[in-house]
Amino acid sequence: MGSLVVRNINDEVVTALKVLAGKHGISAEAEHRKILESALLGPKKKSFTEVLKLIPNVGKDSDFERIEDIRTVDVFD
């Protein structure tokens, strides 16, 4: 397993990392690993086609038919 050293980090970032780690009950190093893994190896985004395939096949086509408005407006009245 590799190692990574990150230098010249803003003090506010280091403090925020330590605070977040404290909230999760883990070390700052473990929190840093978690953030890197999530950012770089996180869930792959689904394509539009994959998302469409997740939509359940419910109803009939007639349920989604457009109803034409038979009212007409005469702009010269």
N, C-alpha and C. Protein backbone atom coordinates (compact mmCIF):
# COMPACT_ATOMS: atom_id res chain seq x y z
N MET A 1 0.85 -1.17 0.00
CA MET A 1 0.00 0.00 0.00
C MET A 1 0.90 1.23 0.00
N GLY A 2 0.52 2.23 -0.79
CA GLY A 2 1.32 3.44 -0.92
C GLY A 2 1.11 4.41 0.21
N SER A 3 2.01 5.39 0.24
CA SER A 3 1.91 6.47 1.23
C SER A 3 1.84 7.79 0.48
N LEU A 4 1.26 8.77 1.13
CA LEU A 4 1.11 10.07 0.51
C LEU A 4 1.39 11.13 1.56
N VAL A 5 2.25 12.09 1.20
CA VAL A 5 2.53 13.22 2.08
C VAL A 5 2.04 14.47 1.37
N VAL A 6 1.23 15.24 2.06
CA VAL A 6 0.71 16.47 1.47
C VAL A 6 1.27 17.64 2.27
N ARG A 7 2.00 18.49 1.59
CA ARG A 7 2.65 19.63 2.26
C ARG A 7 1.91 20.93 1.94
N ASN A 8 2.20 21.93 2.77
CA ASN A 8 1.70 23.30 2.56
C ASN A 8 0.18 23.37 2.49
N ILE A 9 -0.45 22.72 3.45
CA ILE A 9 -1.91 22.77 3.57
C ILE A 9 -2.29 23.95 4.46
N ASN A 10 -3.25 24.72 4.04
CA ASN A 10 -3.74 25.84 4.81
C ASN A 10 -4.18 25.36 6.20
N ASP A 11 -3.84 26.13 7.23
CA ASP A 11 -4.18 25.74 8.60
C ASP A 11 -5.68 25.55 8.80
N GLU A 12 -6.49 26.34 8.11
CA GLU A 12 -7.94 26.20 8.23
C GLU A 12 -8.40 24.84 7.70
N VAL A 13 -7.77 24.36 6.65
CA VAL A 13 -8.11 23.06 6.08
C VAL A 13 -7.73 21.96 7.06
N VAL A 14 -6.57 22.08 7.66
CA VAL A 14 -6.11 21.08 8.63
C VAL A 14 -7.07 21.04 9.82
N THR A 15 -7.45 22.21 10.30
CA THR A 15 -8.38 22.28 11.43
C THR A 15 -9.72 21.67 11.07
N ALA A 16 -10.23 21.99 9.88
CA ALA A 16 -11.51 21.44 9.44
C ALA A 16 -11.43 19.92 9.33
N LEU A 17 -10.31 19.41 8.84
CA LEU A 17 -10.12 17.97 8.73
C LEU A 17 -10.13 17.32 10.11
N LYS A 18 -9.45 17.92 11.06
CA LYS A 18 -9.42 17.37 12.42
C LYS A 18 -10.80 17.41 13.08
N VAL A 19 -11.53 18.48 12.85
CA VAL A 19 -12.88 18.60 13.42
C VAL A 19 -13.78 17.52 12.83
N LEU A 20 -13.72 17.35 11.51
CA LEU A 20 -14.54 16.34 10.86
C LEU A 20 -14.17 14.94 11.34
N ALA A 21 -12.87 14.70 11.47
CA ALA A 21 -12.41 13.40 11.97
C ALA A 21 -12.93 13.16 13.39
N GLY A 22 -12.89 14.19 14.21
CA GLY A 22 -13.39 14.08 15.58
C GLY A 22 -14.87 13.73 15.61
N LYS A 23 -15.64 14.34 14.71
CA LYS A 23 -17.08 14.05 14.64
C LYS A 23 -17.33 12.59 14.26
N HIS A 24 -16.43 12.04 13.44
CA HIS A 24 -16.59 10.65 13.01
C HIS A 24 -15.85 9.67 13.93
N GLY A 25 -15.16 10.20 14.91
CA GLY A 25 -14.46 9.34 15.87
C GLY A 25 -13.27 8.60 15.27
N ILE A 26 -12.61 9.23 14.29
CA ILE A 26 -11.45 8.62 13.67
C ILE A 26 -10.31 9.63 13.62
N SER A 27 -9.14 9.17 13.27
CA SER A 27 -7.98 10.06 13.19
C SER A 27 -8.10 10.96 11.97
N ALA A 28 -7.34 12.05 11.99
CA ALA A 28 -7.31 12.95 10.84
C ALA A 28 -6.77 12.21 9.61
N GLU A 29 -5.82 11.34 9.82
CA GLU A 29 -5.27 10.57 8.71
C GLU A 29 -6.33 9.64 8.10
N ALA A 30 -7.10 8.99 8.95
CA ALA A 30 -8.17 8.11 8.47
C ALA A 30 -9.25 8.92 7.73
N GLU A 31 -9.55 10.09 8.26
CA GLU A 31 -10.53 10.96 7.61
C GLU A 31 -10.02 11.41 6.24
N HIS A 32 -8.75 11.73 6.19
CA HIS A 32 -8.12 12.13 4.93
C HIS A 32 -8.21 11.00 3.90
N ARG A 33 -7.94 9.78 4.33
CA ARG A 33 -8.06 8.62 3.44
C ARG A 33 -9.49 8.47 2.94
N LYS A 34 -10.43 8.62 3.86
CA LYS A 34 -11.85 8.47 3.52
C LYS A 34 -12.27 9.51 2.48
N ILE A 35 -11.83 10.75 2.65
CA ILE A 35 -12.17 11.82 1.72
C ILE A 35 -11.56 11.54 0.35
N LEU A 36 -10.29 11.15 0.33
CA LEU A 36 -9.64 10.85 -0.94
C LEU A 36 -10.31 9.68 -1.66
N GLU A 37 -10.61 8.62 -0.92
CA GLU A 37 -11.28 7.46 -1.53
C GLU A 37 -12.64 7.85 -2.10
N SER A 38 -13.39 8.63 -1.35
CA SER A 38 -14.71 9.04 -1.80
C SER A 38 -14.62 9.92 -3.05
N ALA A 39 -13.68 10.85 -3.05
CA ALA A 39 -13.54 11.77 -4.18
C ALA A 39 -13.02 11.07 -5.43
N LEU A 40 -12.12 10.13 -5.25
CA LEU A 40 -11.46 9.52 -6.41
C LEU A 40 -12.04 8.17 -6.83
N LEU A 41 -12.60 7.45 -5.88
CA LEU A 41 -13.10 6.12 -6.18
C LEU A 41 -14.58 5.97 -5.88
N GLY A 42 -15.23 7.09 -5.61
CA GLY A 42 -16.64 7.07 -5.21
C GLY A 42 -17.52 6.41 -6.25
N PRO A 43 -18.80 6.38 -5.99
CA PRO A 43 -19.71 5.70 -6.90
C PRO A 43 -19.64 6.30 -8.30
N LYS A 44 -19.62 5.42 -9.28
CA LYS A 44 -19.58 5.85 -10.67
C LYS A 44 -20.94 6.44 -11.03
N LYS A 45 -20.93 7.55 -11.73
CA LYS A 45 -22.18 8.17 -12.14
C LYS A 45 -22.84 7.32 -13.22
N LYS A 46 -24.16 7.23 -13.12
CA LYS A 46 -24.91 6.45 -14.10
C LYS A 46 -25.13 7.28 -15.37
N SER A 47 -25.19 6.59 -16.49
CA SER A 47 -25.49 7.27 -17.74
C SER A 47 -26.99 7.57 -17.79
N PHE A 48 -27.38 8.43 -18.70
CA PHE A 48 -28.80 8.77 -18.85
C PHE A 48 -29.60 7.52 -19.17
N THR A 49 -29.05 6.66 -20.01
CA THR A 49 -29.73 5.42 -20.38
C THR A 49 -29.94 4.53 -19.15
N GLU A 50 -28.92 4.43 -18.30
CA GLU A 50 -29.05 3.61 -17.09
C GLU A 50 -30.12 4.16 -16.16
N VAL A 51 -30.19 5.48 -16.05
CA VAL A 51 -31.21 6.11 -15.20
C VAL A 51 -32.60 5.84 -15.77
N LEU A 52 -32.75 5.95 -17.08
CA LEU A 52 -34.05 5.69 -17.69
C LEU A 52 -34.50 4.25 -17.45
N LYS A 53 -33.56 3.33 -17.46
CA LYS A 53 -33.90 1.92 -17.23
C LYS A 53 -34.37 1.66 -15.81
N LEU A 54 -34.06 2.57 -14.89
CA LEU A 54 -34.48 2.42 -13.49
C LEU A 54 -35.93 2.86 -13.27
N ILE A 55 -36.50 3.57 -14.23
CA ILE A 55 -37.88 4.03 -14.09
C ILE A 55 -38.81 2.82 -14.21
N PRO A 56 -39.69 2.63 -13.24
CA PRO A 56 -40.57 1.46 -13.29
C PRO A 56 -41.55 1.54 -14.46
N ASN A 57 -41.88 0.39 -15.00
CA ASN A 57 -42.82 0.30 -16.12
C ASN A 57 -44.23 0.19 -15.54
N VAL A 58 -44.87 1.33 -15.32
CA VAL A 58 -46.21 1.34 -14.74
C VAL A 58 -47.15 2.13 -15.62
N GLY A 59 -48.41 1.84 -15.54
CA GLY A 59 -49.42 2.58 -16.28
C GLY A 59 -49.48 2.15 -17.73
N LYS A 60 -50.43 2.76 -18.42
CA LYS A 60 -50.61 2.50 -19.85
C LYS A 60 -50.25 3.77 -20.60
N ASP A 61 -49.92 3.64 -21.86
CA ASP A 61 -49.59 4.81 -22.66
C ASP A 61 -50.73 5.82 -22.64
N SER A 62 -51.95 5.34 -22.62
CA SER A 62 -53.11 6.24 -22.63
C SER A 62 -53.17 7.11 -21.37
N ASP A 63 -52.55 6.65 -20.29
CA ASP A 63 -52.51 7.44 -19.05
C ASP A 63 -51.72 8.73 -19.25
N PHE A 64 -50.86 8.73 -20.25
CA PHE A 64 -49.96 9.86 -20.44
C PHE A 64 -50.27 10.65 -21.71
N GLU A 65 -51.42 10.36 -22.33
CA GLU A 65 -51.79 11.08 -23.53
C GLU A 65 -52.10 12.53 -23.21
N ARG A 66 -51.75 13.39 -24.13
CA ARG A 66 -51.99 14.82 -23.96
C ARG A 66 -53.44 15.12 -24.31
N ILE A 67 -54.10 15.85 -23.46
CA ILE A 67 -55.50 16.24 -23.69
C ILE A 67 -55.47 17.63 -24.32
N GLU A 68 -56.00 17.72 -25.52
CA GLU A 68 -56.03 19.00 -26.21
C GLU A 68 -57.11 19.88 -25.62
N ASP A 69 -56.79 21.13 -25.46
CA ASP A 69 -57.75 22.10 -24.94
C ASP A 69 -58.61 22.56 -26.11
N ILE A 70 -59.92 22.29 -26.05
CA ILE A 70 -60.79 22.62 -27.17
C ILE A 70 -61.28 24.07 -27.12
N ARG A 71 -60.99 24.76 -26.04
CA ARG A 71 -61.37 26.17 -25.95
C ARG A 71 -60.51 26.99 -26.90
N THR A 72 -61.14 27.96 -27.55
CA THR A 72 -60.38 28.84 -28.42
C THR A 72 -60.54 30.26 -27.89
N VAL A 73 -59.57 31.05 -28.12
CA VAL A 73 -59.59 32.43 -27.67
C VAL A 73 -59.56 33.32 -28.89
N ASP A 74 -60.53 34.22 -28.97
CA ASP A 74 -60.54 35.16 -30.09
C ASP A 74 -59.91 36.45 -29.58
N VAL A 75 -58.80 36.78 -30.12
CA VAL A 75 -58.07 37.96 -29.63
C VAL A 75 -58.69 39.26 -30.09
N PHE A 76 -59.70 39.19 -30.99
CA PHE A 76 -60.30 40.42 -31.51
C PHE A 76 -61.64 40.74 -30.85
N ASP A 77 -62.03 40.00 -29.83
CA ASP A 77 -63.31 40.30 -29.13
C ASP A 77 -63.13 41.40 -28.16
